[in-house]
Amino acid sequence: ITKFIEQARLFAAAKEATKSFWTKHSIQEGASALTSTSPFRYIADTGIVAAEHHEGTMQESIDLHSWTGMSIQRAVNNIQNSLQKGLAFLGTVGSTSPFIGLFGTVWGIYHALTA
């Protein structure tokens, strides 16, 4: 249930980001139009900071587009990792629960036969 709510919030934030971000005249205006807790605000801010810090000898070794793209991809990966937290435990519980139910059934039949 918790993961469902988390996904629903993300989809709502995506709809809100689509409406507010892409209608602005600049990236800074678009980012400031997003709520501060939105994961899309985090991605936009990461891209803005990466573009602002692309300077000096870094310009010679990597172009601005690649640098900004890598930073944004890293931000997306961070958000994906936070969404995946707890899924291993959920999978383990989900895969063992039929066996626990079967054990309870066998235990009940055993007690019914011994009584």
C-alpha atoms as a PDB file:
ATOM      1  CA  ILE A   1       0.000   0.000   0.000  1.00  0.00           C
ATOM      2  CA  THR A   2       2.842   2.353   0.851  1.00  0.00           C
ATOM      3  CA  LYS A   3       4.517   1.848  -2.518  1.00  0.00           C
ATOM      4  CA  PHE A   4       1.194   2.452  -4.265  1.00  0.00           C
ATOM      5  CA  ILE A   5       0.763   5.756  -2.434  1.00  0.00           C
ATOM      6  CA  GLU A   6       4.355   6.699  -3.243  1.00  0.00           C
ATOM      7  CA  GLN A   7       3.774   5.968  -6.942  1.00  0.00           C
ATOM      8  CA  ALA A   8       0.502   7.928  -6.924  1.00  0.00           C
ATOM      9  CA  ARG A   9       2.303  10.939  -5.448  1.00  0.00           C
ATOM     10  CA  LEU A  10       4.986  10.674  -8.107  1.00  0.00           C
ATOM     11  CA  PHE A  11       2.405  10.585 -10.908  1.00  0.00           C
ATOM     12  CA  ALA A  12       0.626  13.599  -9.398  1.00  0.00           C
ATOM     13  CA  ALA A  13       3.939  15.437  -9.183  1.00  0.00           C
ATOM     14  CA  ALA A  14       4.627  14.535 -12.830  1.00  0.00           C
ATOM     15  CA  LYS A  15       1.310  16.032 -13.939  1.00  0.00           C
ATOM     16  CA  GLU A  16       1.948  19.160 -11.890  1.00  0.00           C
ATOM     17  CA  ALA A  17       5.489  19.439 -13.276  1.00  0.00           C
ATOM     18  CA  THR A  18       4.250  19.111 -16.841  1.00  0.00           C
ATOM     19  CA  LYS A  19       1.760  21.923 -16.346  1.00  0.00           C
ATOM     20  CA  SER A  20       3.995  24.330 -14.456  1.00  0.00           C
ATOM     21  CA  PHE A  21       7.531  23.678 -15.728  1.00  0.00           C
ATOM     22  CA  TRP A  22       7.101  23.609 -19.483  1.00  0.00           C
ATOM     23  CA  THR A  23       4.962  26.760 -19.670  1.00  0.00           C
ATOM     24  CA  LYS A  24       7.685  29.011 -18.227  1.00  0.00           C
ATOM     25  CA  HIS A  25      10.101  31.113 -20.274  1.00  0.00           C
ATOM     26  CA  SER A  26      13.315  29.907 -18.626  1.00  0.00           C
ATOM     27  CA  ILE A  27      14.581  26.853 -16.802  1.00  0.00           C
ATOM     28  CA  GLN A  28      15.037  28.850 -13.587  1.00  0.00           C
ATOM     29  CA  GLU A  29      11.418  30.043 -13.709  1.00  0.00           C
ATOM     30  CA  GLY A  30      10.231  26.514 -14.420  1.00  0.00           C
ATOM     31  CA  ALA A  31      12.216  25.070 -11.529  1.00  0.00           C
ATOM     32  CA  SER A  32      10.995  27.719  -9.108  1.00  0.00           C
ATOM     33  CA  ALA A  33       7.394  27.009 -10.166  1.00  0.00           C
ATOM     34  CA  LEU A  34       7.730  23.420  -8.910  1.00  0.00           C
ATOM     35  CA  THR A  35       7.140  22.614  -5.247  1.00  0.00           C
ATOM     36  CA  SER A  36      10.279  22.262  -3.160  1.00  0.00           C
ATOM     37  CA  THR A  37       9.464  18.640  -2.254  1.00  0.00           C
ATOM     38  CA  SER A  38       8.882  17.545  -5.841  1.00  0.00           C
ATOM     39  CA  PRO A  39      11.385  15.043  -7.245  1.00  0.00           C
ATOM     40  CA  PHE A  40      11.161  16.948 -10.520  1.00  0.00           C
ATOM     41  CA  ARG A  41      12.338  20.086  -8.728  1.00  0.00           C
ATOM     42  CA  TYR A  42      15.348  18.104  -7.516  1.00  0.00           C
ATOM     43  CA  ILE A  43      16.118  17.016 -11.086  1.00  0.00           C
ATOM     44  CA  ALA A  44      15.713  20.553 -12.454  1.00  0.00           C
ATOM     45  CA  ASP A  45      17.854  22.073  -9.703  1.00  0.00           C
ATOM     46  CA  THR A  46      20.547  19.465 -10.321  1.00  0.00           C
ATOM     47  CA  GLY A  47      20.627  20.366 -14.005  1.00  0.00           C
ATOM     48  CA  ILE A  48      20.794  24.087 -13.254  1.00  0.00           C
ATOM     49  CA  VAL A  49      23.625  23.652 -10.747  1.00  0.00           C
ATOM     50  CA  ALA A  50      25.535  21.410 -13.165  1.00  0.00           C
ATOM     51  CA  ALA A  51      25.240  23.980 -15.952  1.00  0.00           C
ATOM     52  CA  GLU A  52      26.402  26.774 -13.640  1.00  0.00           C
ATOM     53  CA  HIS A  53      29.437  24.812 -12.426  1.00  0.00           C
ATOM     54  CA  HIS A  54      30.684  23.786 -15.868  1.00  0.00           C
ATOM     55  CA  GLU A  55      33.765  25.996 -16.031  1.00  0.00           C
ATOM     56  CA  GLY A  56      37.550  26.111 -16.187  1.00  0.00           C
ATOM     57  CA  THR A  57      39.493  23.118 -17.449  1.00  0.00           C
ATOM     58  CA  MET A  58      36.319  21.042 -17.350  1.00  0.00           C
ATOM     59  CA  GLN A  59      35.121  22.809 -20.503  1.00  0.00           C
ATOM     60  CA  GLU A  60      38.052  21.373 -22.433  1.00  0.00           C
ATOM     61  CA  SER A  61      37.513  17.775 -21.333  1.00  0.00           C
ATOM     62  CA  ILE A  62      33.708  17.484 -21.417  1.00  0.00           C
ATOM     63  CA  ASP A  63      31.098  19.576 -23.181  1.00  0.00           C
ATOM     64  CA  LEU A  64      28.231  21.285 -21.349  1.00  0.00           C
ATOM     65  CA  HIS A  65      25.552  19.019 -22.834  1.00  0.00           C
ATOM     66  CA  SER A  66      27.271  15.815 -21.668  1.00  0.00           C
ATOM     67  CA  TRP A  67      28.079  17.259 -18.241  1.00  0.00           C
ATOM     68  CA  THR A  68      24.515  18.428 -17.642  1.00  0.00           C
ATOM     69  CA  GLY A  69      23.067  15.189 -19.022  1.00  0.00           C
ATOM     70  CA  MET A  70      25.209  13.067 -16.703  1.00  0.00           C
ATOM     71  CA  SER A  71      24.226  15.176 -13.700  1.00  0.00           C
ATOM     72  CA  ILE A  72      20.528  14.933 -14.528  1.00  0.00           C
ATOM     73  CA  GLN A  73      20.839  11.167 -15.086  1.00  0.00           C
ATOM     74  CA  ARG A  74      22.522  10.853 -11.675  1.00  0.00           C
ATOM     75  CA  ALA A  75      19.604  12.753 -10.089  1.00  0.00           C
ATOM     76  CA  VAL A  76      17.076  10.473 -11.830  1.00  0.00           C
ATOM     77  CA  ASN A  77      19.009   7.424 -10.586  1.00  0.00           C
ATOM     78  CA  ASN A  78      18.900   8.784  -7.020  1.00  0.00           C
ATOM     79  CA  ILE A  79      15.127   9.150  -7.230  1.00  0.00           C
ATOM     80  CA  GLN A  80      14.747   5.666  -8.719  1.00  0.00           C
ATOM     81  CA  ASN A  81      16.858   4.214  -5.910  1.00  0.00           C
ATOM     82  CA  SER A  82      14.672   5.889  -3.301  1.00  0.00           C
ATOM     83  CA  LEU A  83      11.574   4.427  -4.998  1.00  0.00           C
ATOM     84  CA  GLN A  84      13.079   0.939  -4.910  1.00  0.00           C
ATOM     85  CA  LYS A  85      13.810   0.972  -1.180  1.00  0.00           C
ATOM     86  CA  GLY A  86      11.958  -1.807   0.596  1.00  0.00           C
ATOM     87  CA  LEU A  87      11.039  -3.750  -2.546  1.00  0.00           C
ATOM     88  CA  ALA A  88      13.384  -6.644  -1.690  1.00  0.00           C
ATOM     89  CA  PHE A  89      11.708  -7.056   1.691  1.00  0.00           C
ATOM     90  CA  LEU A  90       8.274  -6.807   0.092  1.00  0.00           C
ATOM     91  CA  GLY A  91       9.223  -9.500  -2.425  1.00  0.00           C
ATOM     92  CA  THR A  92      10.535 -11.778   0.315  1.00  0.00           C
ATOM     93  CA  VAL A  93       7.379 -11.434   2.391  1.00  0.00           C
ATOM     94  CA  GLY A  94       5.199 -11.924  -0.667  1.00  0.00           C
ATOM     95  CA  SER A  95       6.998 -15.076  -1.744  1.00  0.00           C
ATOM     96  CA  THR A  96       7.027 -16.719   1.701  1.00  0.00           C
ATOM     97  CA  SER A  97       3.449 -15.947   2.741  1.00  0.00           C
ATOM     98  CA  PRO A  98       1.857 -18.864   0.793  1.00  0.00           C
ATOM     99  CA  PHE A  99       4.141 -21.300   2.601  1.00  0.00           C
ATOM    100  CA  ILE A 100       3.270 -19.806   5.976  1.00  0.00           C
ATOM    101  CA  GLY A 101      -0.424 -20.178   5.131  1.00  0.00           C
ATOM    102  CA  LEU A 102       0.123 -23.770   4.035  1.00  0.00           C
ATOM    103  CA  PHE A 103       1.969 -24.507   7.278  1.00  0.00           C
ATOM    104  CA  GLY A 104      -0.994 -23.145   9.242  1.00  0.00           C
ATOM    105  CA  THR A 105      -3.363 -25.384   7.282  1.00  0.00           C
ATOM    106  CA  VAL A 106      -1.216 -28.464   7.905  1.00  0.00           C
ATOM    107  CA  TRP A 107      -0.923 -27.562  11.585  1.00  0.00           C
ATOM    108  CA  GLY A 108      -4.707 -27.223  11.868  1.00  0.00           C
ATOM    109  CA  ILE A 109      -5.338 -30.560  10.135  1.00  0.00           C
ATOM    110  CA  TYR A 110      -2.745 -32.259  12.352  1.00  0.00           C
ATOM    111  CA  HIS A 111      -4.435 -30.982  15.513  1.00  0.00           C
ATOM    112  CA  ALA A 112      -7.863 -31.965  14.190  1.00  0.00           C
ATOM    113  CA  LEU A 113      -6.679 -35.522  13.533  1.00  0.00           C
ATOM    114  CA  THR A 114      -4.895 -35.929  16.882  1.00  0.00           C
ATOM    115  CA  ALA A 115      -7.833 -34.643  18.913  1.00  0.00           C
END
